[in-house]
Amino acid sequence: TGLILQVGHMKRFDPGLEAAEKFIQTEMG
């Protein structure tokens, strides 16, 4: 169908975990 399906793993939208993931991607090495 080519349609969007998103799973309700809402912790990915926890601002604390978002900050952690950003540090992983940009600085942690």
PDB file of all heavy atoms in Angstrom:
ATOM      1  N   THR A   1       0.814  -1.220   0.000  1.00  0.00           N
ATOM      2  CA  THR A   1       0.000   0.000   0.000  1.00  0.00           C
ATOM      3  C   THR A   1       0.844   1.266   0.000  1.00  0.00           C
ATOM      4  O   THR A   1       0.392   2.327  -0.432  1.00  0.00           O
ATOM      5  CB  THR A   1      -0.937   0.035   1.214  1.00  0.00           C
ATOM      6  OG1 THR A   1      -0.151   0.026   2.416  1.00  0.00           O
ATOM      7  CG2 THR A   1      -1.886  -1.154   1.208  1.00  0.00           C
ATOM      8  N   GLY A   2       2.078   1.170   0.507  1.00  0.00           N
ATOM      9  CA  GLY A   2       2.936   2.347   0.602  1.00  0.00           C
ATOM     10  C   GLY A   2       2.514   3.332   1.665  1.00  0.00           C
ATOM     11  O   GLY A   2       2.984   4.476   1.686  1.00  0.00           O
ATOM     12  N   LEU A   3       1.641   2.894   2.579  1.00  0.00           N
ATOM     13  CA  LEU A   3       1.130   3.781   3.622  1.00  0.00           C
ATOM     14  C   LEU A   3       1.984   3.726   4.882  1.00  0.00           C
ATOM     15  O   LEU A   3       2.715   2.759   5.121  1.00  0.00           O
ATOM     16  CB  LEU A   3      -0.315   3.410   3.964  1.00  0.00           C
ATOM     17  CG  LEU A   3      -1.333   3.606   2.832  1.00  0.00           C
ATOM     18  CD1 LEU A   3      -2.671   2.998   3.204  1.00  0.00           C
ATOM     19  CD2 LEU A   3      -1.486   5.096   2.517  1.00  0.00           C
ATOM     20  N   ILE A   4       1.858   4.767   5.687  1.00  0.00           N
ATOM     21  CA  ILE A   4       2.602   4.855   6.937  1.00  0.00           C
ATOM     22  C   ILE A   4       1.972   3.934   7.979  1.00  0.00           C
ATOM     23  O   ILE A   4       0.758   3.944   8.189  1.00  0.00           O
ATOM     24  CB  ILE A   4       2.602   6.301   7.475  1.00  0.00           C
ATOM     25  CG1 ILE A   4       3.254   7.250   6.473  1.00  0.00           C
ATOM     26  CG2 ILE A   4       3.307   6.378   8.837  1.00  0.00           C
ATOM     27  CD1 ILE A   4       4.693   6.941   6.176  1.00  0.00           C
ATOM     28  N   LEU A   5       2.794   3.136   8.630  1.00  0.00           N
ATOM     29  CA  LEU A   5       2.391   2.420   9.840  1.00  0.00           C
ATOM     30  C   LEU A   5       3.405   2.756  10.926  1.00  0.00           C
ATOM     31  O   LEU A   5       4.606   2.590  10.731  1.00  0.00           O
ATOM     32  CB  LEU A   5       2.320   0.917   9.641  1.00  0.00           C
ATOM     33  CG  LEU A   5       1.835   0.173  10.899  1.00  0.00           C
ATOM     34  CD1 LEU A   5       0.825  -0.919  10.560  1.00  0.00           C
ATOM     35  CD2 LEU A   5       2.998  -0.429  11.698  1.00  0.00           C
ATOM     36  N   GLN A   6       2.913   3.248  12.043  1.00  0.00           N
ATOM     37  CA  GLN A   6       3.763   3.578  13.191  1.00  0.00           C
ATOM     38  C   GLN A   6       3.309   2.746  14.382  1.00  0.00           C
ATOM     39  O   GLN A   6       2.113   2.588  14.625  1.00  0.00           O
ATOM     40  CB  GLN A   6       3.683   5.061  13.518  1.00  0.00           C
ATOM     41  CG  GLN A   6       4.607   5.499  14.662  1.00  0.00           C
ATOM     42  CD  GLN A   6       4.655   7.007  14.793  1.00  0.00           C
ATOM     43  OE1 GLN A   6       4.922   7.717  13.831  1.00  0.00           O
ATOM     44  NE2 GLN A   6       4.391   7.512  15.992  1.00  0.00           N
ATOM     45  N   VAL A   7       4.279   2.208  15.112  1.00  0.00           N
ATOM     46  CA  VAL A   7       3.985   1.390  16.290  1.00  0.00           C
ATOM     47  C   VAL A   7       4.036   2.278  17.528  1.00  0.00           C
ATOM     48  O   VAL A   7       4.900   3.153  17.644  1.00  0.00           O
ATOM     49  CB  VAL A   7       5.006   0.239  16.433  1.00  0.00           C
ATOM     50  CG1 VAL A   7       4.555  -0.742  17.517  1.00  0.00           C
ATOM     51  CG2 VAL A   7       5.196  -0.480  15.114  1.00  0.00           C
ATOM     52  N   GLY A   8       3.111   2.031  18.462  1.00  0.00           N
ATOM     53  CA  GLY A   8       2.986   2.891  19.631  1.00  0.00           C
ATOM     54  C   GLY A   8       4.040   2.685  20.698  1.00  0.00           C
ATOM     55  O   GLY A   8       3.710   2.593  21.889  1.00  0.00           O
ATOM     56  N   HIS A   9       5.306   2.616  20.297  1.00  0.00           N
ATOM     57  CA  HIS A   9       6.406   2.611  21.264  1.00  0.00           C
ATOM     58  C   HIS A   9       6.664   4.061  21.671  1.00  0.00           C
ATOM     59  O   HIS A   9       7.601   4.710  21.214  1.00  0.00           O
ATOM     60  CB  HIS A   9       7.654   1.968  20.651  1.00  0.00           C
ATOM     61  CG  HIS A   9       7.540   0.483  20.480  1.00  0.00           C
ATOM     62  ND1 HIS A   9       7.398  -0.371  21.551  1.00  0.00           N
ATOM     63  CD2 HIS A   9       7.546  -0.290  19.373  1.00  0.00           C
ATOM     64  CE1 HIS A   9       7.329  -1.622  21.102  1.00  0.00           C
ATOM     65  NE2 HIS A   9       7.411  -1.596  19.795  1.00  0.00           N
ATOM     66  N   MET A  10       5.827   4.561  22.561  1.00  0.00           N
ATOM     67  CA  MET A  10       5.782   5.998  22.842  1.00  0.00           C
ATOM     68  C   MET A  10       7.020   6.483  23.580  1.00  0.00           C
ATOM     69  O   MET A  10       7.294   7.679  23.618  1.00  0.00           O
ATOM     70  CB  MET A  10       4.506   6.353  23.616  1.00  0.00           C
ATOM     71  CG  MET A  10       4.534   6.139  25.102  1.00  0.00           C
ATOM     72  SD  MET A  10       4.658   4.400  25.578  1.00  0.00           S
ATOM     73  CE  MET A  10       4.795   4.593  27.370  1.00  0.00           C
ATOM     74  N   LYS A  11       7.807   5.557  24.172  1.00  0.00           N
ATOM     75  CA  LYS A  11       9.008   6.003  24.892  1.00  0.00           C
ATOM     76  C   LYS A  11      10.024   6.654  23.963  1.00  0.00           C
ATOM     77  O   LYS A  11      10.891   7.398  24.415  1.00  0.00           O
ATOM     78  CB  LYS A  11       9.630   4.828  25.654  1.00  0.00           C
ATOM     79  CG  LYS A  11       8.767   4.332  26.804  1.00  0.00           C
ATOM     80  CD  LYS A  11       9.388   3.136  27.507  1.00  0.00           C
ATOM     81  CE  LYS A  11       8.428   2.563  28.544  1.00  0.00           C
ATOM     82  NZ  LYS A  11       8.275   3.441  29.713  1.00  0.00           N
ATOM     83  N   ARG A  12       9.922   6.395  22.661  1.00  0.00           N
ATOM     84  CA  ARG A  12      10.788   7.078  21.701  1.00  0.00           C
ATOM     85  C   ARG A  12      10.503   8.586  21.664  1.00  0.00           C
ATOM     86  O   ARG A  12      11.299   9.352  21.112  1.00  0.00           O
ATOM     87  CB  ARG A  12      10.599   6.491  20.299  1.00  0.00           C
ATOM     88  CG  ARG A  12      11.115   5.063  20.163  1.00  0.00           C
ATOM     89  CD  ARG A  12      11.001   4.570  18.746  1.00  0.00           C
ATOM     90  NE  ARG A  12      11.549   3.222  18.599  1.00  0.00           N
ATOM     91  CZ  ARG A  12      12.312   2.821  17.591  1.00  0.00           C
ATOM     92  NH1 ARG A  12      12.627   3.671  16.616  1.00  0.00           N
ATOM     93  NH2 ARG A  12      12.761   1.589  17.525  1.00  0.00           N
ATOM     94  N   PHE A  13       9.366   9.000  22.225  1.00  0.00           N
ATOM     95  CA  PHE A  13       9.000  10.415  22.267  1.00  0.00           C
ATOM     96  C   PHE A  13       9.135  10.996  23.670  1.00  0.00           C
ATOM     97  O   PHE A  13       8.636  12.077  23.944  1.00  0.00           O
ATOM     98  CB  PHE A  13       7.573  10.588  21.722  1.00  0.00           C
ATOM     99  CG  PHE A  13       7.477  10.290  20.259  1.00  0.00           C
ATOM    100  CD1 PHE A  13       7.269   8.993  19.812  1.00  0.00           C
ATOM    101  CD2 PHE A  13       7.622  11.301  19.320  1.00  0.00           C
ATOM    102  CE1 PHE A  13       7.194   8.706  18.455  1.00  0.00           C
ATOM    103  CE2 PHE A  13       7.547  11.024  17.958  1.00  0.00           C
ATOM    104  CZ  PHE A  13       7.335   9.724  17.527  1.00  0.00           C
ATOM    105  N   ASP A  14       9.822  10.289  24.547  1.00  0.00           N
ATOM    106  CA  ASP A  14      10.210  10.798  25.861  1.00  0.00           C
ATOM    107  C   ASP A  14      11.358  11.783  25.637  1.00  0.00           C
ATOM    108  O   ASP A  14      12.407  11.412  25.095  1.00  0.00           O
ATOM    109  CB  ASP A  14      10.668   9.612  26.726  1.00  0.00           C
ATOM    110  CG  ASP A  14      11.139  10.004  28.112  1.00  0.00           C
ATOM    111  OD1 ASP A  14      11.727  11.096  28.274  1.00  0.00           O
ATOM    112  OD2 ASP A  14      10.958   9.193  29.042  1.00  0.00           O
ATOM    113  N   PRO A  15      11.206  13.074  25.992  1.00  0.00           N
ATOM    114  CA  PRO A  15      12.260  14.054  25.719  1.00  0.00           C
ATOM    115  C   PRO A  15      13.621  13.676  26.306  1.00  0.00           C
ATOM    116  O   PRO A  15      14.662  13.999  25.719  1.00  0.00           O
ATOM    117  CB  PRO A  15      11.718  15.339  26.360  1.00  0.00           C
ATOM    118  CG  PRO A  15      10.243  15.180  26.328  1.00  0.00           C
ATOM    119  CD  PRO A  15      10.005  13.710  26.579  1.00  0.00           C
ATOM    120  N   GLY A  16      13.614  12.990  27.452  1.00  0.00           N
ATOM    121  CA  GLY A  16      14.886  12.548  28.018  1.00  0.00           C
ATOM    122  C   GLY A  16      15.570  11.533  27.136  1.00  0.00           C
ATOM    123  O   GLY A  16      16.789  11.607  26.877  1.00  0.00           O
ATOM    124  N   LEU A  17      14.812  10.542  26.647  1.00  0.00           N
ATOM    125  CA  LEU A  17      15.390   9.529  25.770  1.00  0.00           C
ATOM    126  C   LEU A  17      15.750  10.115  24.408  1.00  0.00           C
ATOM    127  O   LEU A  17      16.727   9.693  23.781  1.00  0.00           O
ATOM    128  CB  LEU A  17      14.425   8.358  25.607  1.00  0.00           C
ATOM    129  CG  LEU A  17      14.067   7.587  26.873  1.00  0.00           C
ATOM    130  CD1 LEU A  17      13.335   6.303  26.521  1.00  0.00           C
ATOM    131  CD2 LEU A  17      15.291   7.279  27.719  1.00  0.00           C
ATOM    132  N   GLU A  18      14.995  11.104  23.955  1.00  0.00           N
ATOM    133  CA  GLU A  18      15.353  11.784  22.711  1.00  0.00           C
ATOM    134  C   GLU A  18      16.705  12.487  22.853  1.00  0.00           C
ATOM    135  O   GLU A  18      17.534  12.463  21.935  1.00  0.00           O
ATOM    136  CB  GLU A  18      14.275  12.797  22.339  1.00  0.00           C
ATOM    137  CG  GLU A  18      12.985  12.170  21.828  1.00  0.00           C
ATOM    138  CD  GLU A  18      11.925  13.204  21.508  1.00  0.00           C
ATOM    139  OE1 GLU A  18      11.794  14.192  22.249  1.00  0.00           O
ATOM    140  OE2 GLU A  18      11.224  13.024  20.498  1.00  0.00           O
ATOM    141  N   ALA A  19      16.941  13.118  24.010  1.00  0.00           N
ATOM    142  CA  ALA A  19      18.228  13.782  24.246  1.00  0.00           C
ATOM    143  C   ALA A  19      19.362  12.761  24.294  1.00  0.00           C
ATOM    144  O   ALA A  19      20.463  13.005  23.782  1.00  0.00           O
ATOM    145  CB  ALA A  19      18.178  14.582  25.545  1.00  0.00           C
ATOM    146  N   ALA A  20      19.093  11.602  24.913  1.00  0.00           N
ATOM    147  CA  ALA A  20      20.100  10.549  24.968  1.00  0.00           C
ATOM    148  C   ALA A  20      20.437  10.061  23.566  1.00  0.00           C
ATOM    149  O   ALA A  20      21.621   9.898  23.210  1.00  0.00           O
ATOM    150  CB  ALA A  20      19.592   9.392  25.830  1.00  0.00           C
ATOM    151  N   GLU A  21      19.410   9.820  22.752  1.00  0.00           N
ATOM    152  CA  GLU A  21      19.635   9.325  21.397  1.00  0.00           C
ATOM    153  C   GLU A  21      20.388  10.354  20.552  1.00  0.00           C
ATOM    154  O   GLU A  21      21.253   9.994  19.741  1.00  0.00           O
ATOM    155  CB  GLU A  21      18.278   8.994  20.764  1.00  0.00           C
ATOM    156  CG  GLU A  21      18.358   8.115  19.532  1.00  0.00           C
ATOM    157  CD  GLU A  21      18.403   8.887  18.247  1.00  0.00           C
ATOM    158  OE1 GLU A  21      18.068  10.095  18.267  1.00  0.00           O
ATOM    159  OE2 GLU A  21      18.757   8.306  17.204  1.00  0.00           O
ATOM    160  N   LYS A  22      20.114  11.640  20.757  1.00  0.00           N
ATOM    161  CA  LYS A  22      20.844  12.684  20.023  1.00  0.00           C
ATOM    162  C   LYS A  22      22.322  12.679  20.400  1.00  0.00           C
ATOM    163  O   LYS A  22      23.193  12.809  19.529  1.00  0.00           O
ATOM    164  CB  LYS A  22      20.223  14.052  20.322  1.00  0.00           C
ATOM    165  CG  LYS A  22      20.893  15.197  19.565  1.00  0.00           C
ATOM    166  CD  LYS A  22      20.225  16.531  19.860  1.00  0.00           C
ATOM    167  CE  LYS A  22      20.919  17.663  19.114  1.00  0.00           C
ATOM    168  NZ  LYS A  22      20.281  18.979  19.410  1.00  0.00           N
ATOM    169  N   PHE A  23      22.621  12.514  21.694  1.00  0.00           N
ATOM    170  CA  PHE A  23      24.021  12.451  22.127  1.00  0.00           C
ATOM    171  C   PHE A  23      24.720  11.238  21.518  1.00  0.00           C
ATOM    172  O   PHE A  23      25.881  11.320  21.092  1.00  0.00           O
ATOM    173  CB  PHE A  23      24.086  12.386  23.654  1.00  0.00           C
ATOM    174  CG  PHE A  23      25.486  12.327  24.214  1.00  0.00           C
ATOM    175  CD1 PHE A  23      26.288  13.451  24.251  1.00  0.00           C
ATOM    176  CD2 PHE A  23      25.996  11.129  24.706  1.00  0.00           C
ATOM    177  CE1 PHE A  23      27.584  13.407  24.762  1.00  0.00           C
ATOM    178  CE2 PHE A  23      27.288  11.071  25.226  1.00  0.00           C
ATOM    179  CZ  PHE A  23      28.072  12.211  25.251  1.00  0.00           C
ATOM    180  N   ILE A  24      24.013  10.119  21.463  1.00  0.00           N
ATOM    181  CA  ILE A  24      24.572   8.910  20.854  1.00  0.00           C
ATOM    182  C   ILE A  24      24.939   9.170  19.401  1.00  0.00           C
ATOM    183  O   ILE A  24      26.024   8.789  18.934  1.00  0.00           O
ATOM    184  CB  ILE A  24      23.565   7.745  20.954  1.00  0.00           C
ATOM    185  CG1 ILE A  24      23.418   7.291  22.404  1.00  0.00           C
ATOM    186  CG2 ILE A  24      23.995   6.567  20.079  1.00  0.00           C
ATOM    187  CD1 ILE A  24      22.235   6.383  22.643  1.00  0.00           C
ATOM    188  N   GLN A  25      24.054   9.834  18.676  1.00  0.00           N
ATOM    189  CA  GLN A  25      24.251  10.052  17.245  1.00  0.00           C
ATOM    190  C   GLN A  25      25.305  11.110  16.938  1.00  0.00           C
ATOM    191  O   GLN A  25      25.971  11.040  15.893  1.00  0.00           O
ATOM    192  CB  GLN A  25      22.928  10.455  16.589  1.00  0.00           C
ATOM    193  CG  GLN A  25      21.853   9.383  16.648  1.00  0.00           C
ATOM    194  CD  GLN A  25      22.240   8.101  15.951  1.00  0.00           C
ATOM    195  OE1 GLN A  25      22.936   8.121  14.941  1.00  0.00           O
ATOM    196  NE2 GLN A  25      21.804   6.980  16.495  1.00  0.00           N
ATOM    197  N   THR A  26      25.477  12.090  17.823  1.00  0.00           N
ATOM    198  CA  THR A  26      26.322  13.241  17.487  1.00  0.00           C
ATOM    199  C   THR A  26      27.656  13.301  18.229  1.00  0.00           C
ATOM    200  O   THR A  26      28.596  13.921  17.742  1.00  0.00           O
ATOM    201  CB  THR A  26      25.568  14.552  17.759  1.00  0.00           C
ATOM    202  OG1 THR A  26      25.222  14.625  19.151  1.00  0.00           O
ATOM    203  CG2 THR A  26      24.304  14.623  16.918  1.00  0.00           C
ATOM    204  N   GLU A  27      27.741  12.679  19.409  1.00  0.00           N
ATOM    205  CA  GLU A  27      28.938  12.921  20.220  1.00  0.00           C
ATOM    206  C   GLU A  27      29.529  11.685  20.886  1.00  0.00           C
ATOM    207  O   GLU A  27      30.733  11.647  21.143  1.00  0.00           O
ATOM    208  CB  GLU A  27      28.605  13.952  21.306  1.00  0.00           C
ATOM    209  CG  GLU A  27      29.827  14.470  22.046  1.00  0.00           C
ATOM    210  CD  GLU A  27      29.514  15.594  23.022  1.00  0.00           C
ATOM    211  OE1 GLU A  27      28.501  16.294  22.821  1.00  0.00           O
ATOM    212  OE2 GLU A  27      30.289  15.771  23.987  1.00  0.00           O
ATOM    213  N   MET A  28      28.748  10.673  21.164  1.00  0.00           N
ATOM    214  CA  MET A  28      29.235   9.563  21.984  1.00  0.00           C
ATOM    215  C   MET A  28      30.353   8.773  21.320  1.00  0.00           C
ATOM    216  O   MET A  28      31.208   8.209  21.998  1.00  0.00           O
ATOM    217  CB  MET A  28      28.086   8.623  22.350  1.00  0.00           C
ATOM    218  CG  MET A  28      28.520   7.409  23.151  1.00  0.00           C
ATOM    219  SD  MET A  28      27.140   6.455  23.833  1.00  0.00           S
ATOM    220  CE  MET A  28      26.986   7.224  25.452  1.00  0.00           C
ATOM    221  N   GLY A  29      30.370   8.733  19.987  1.00  0.00           N
ATOM    222  CA  GLY A  29      31.357   7.899  19.311  1.00  0.00           C
ATOM    223  C   GLY A  29      30.958   6.439  19.414  1.00  0.00           C
ATOM    224  O   GLY A  29      29.778   6.091  19.450  1.00  0.00           O
TER     225      GLY A  29
END
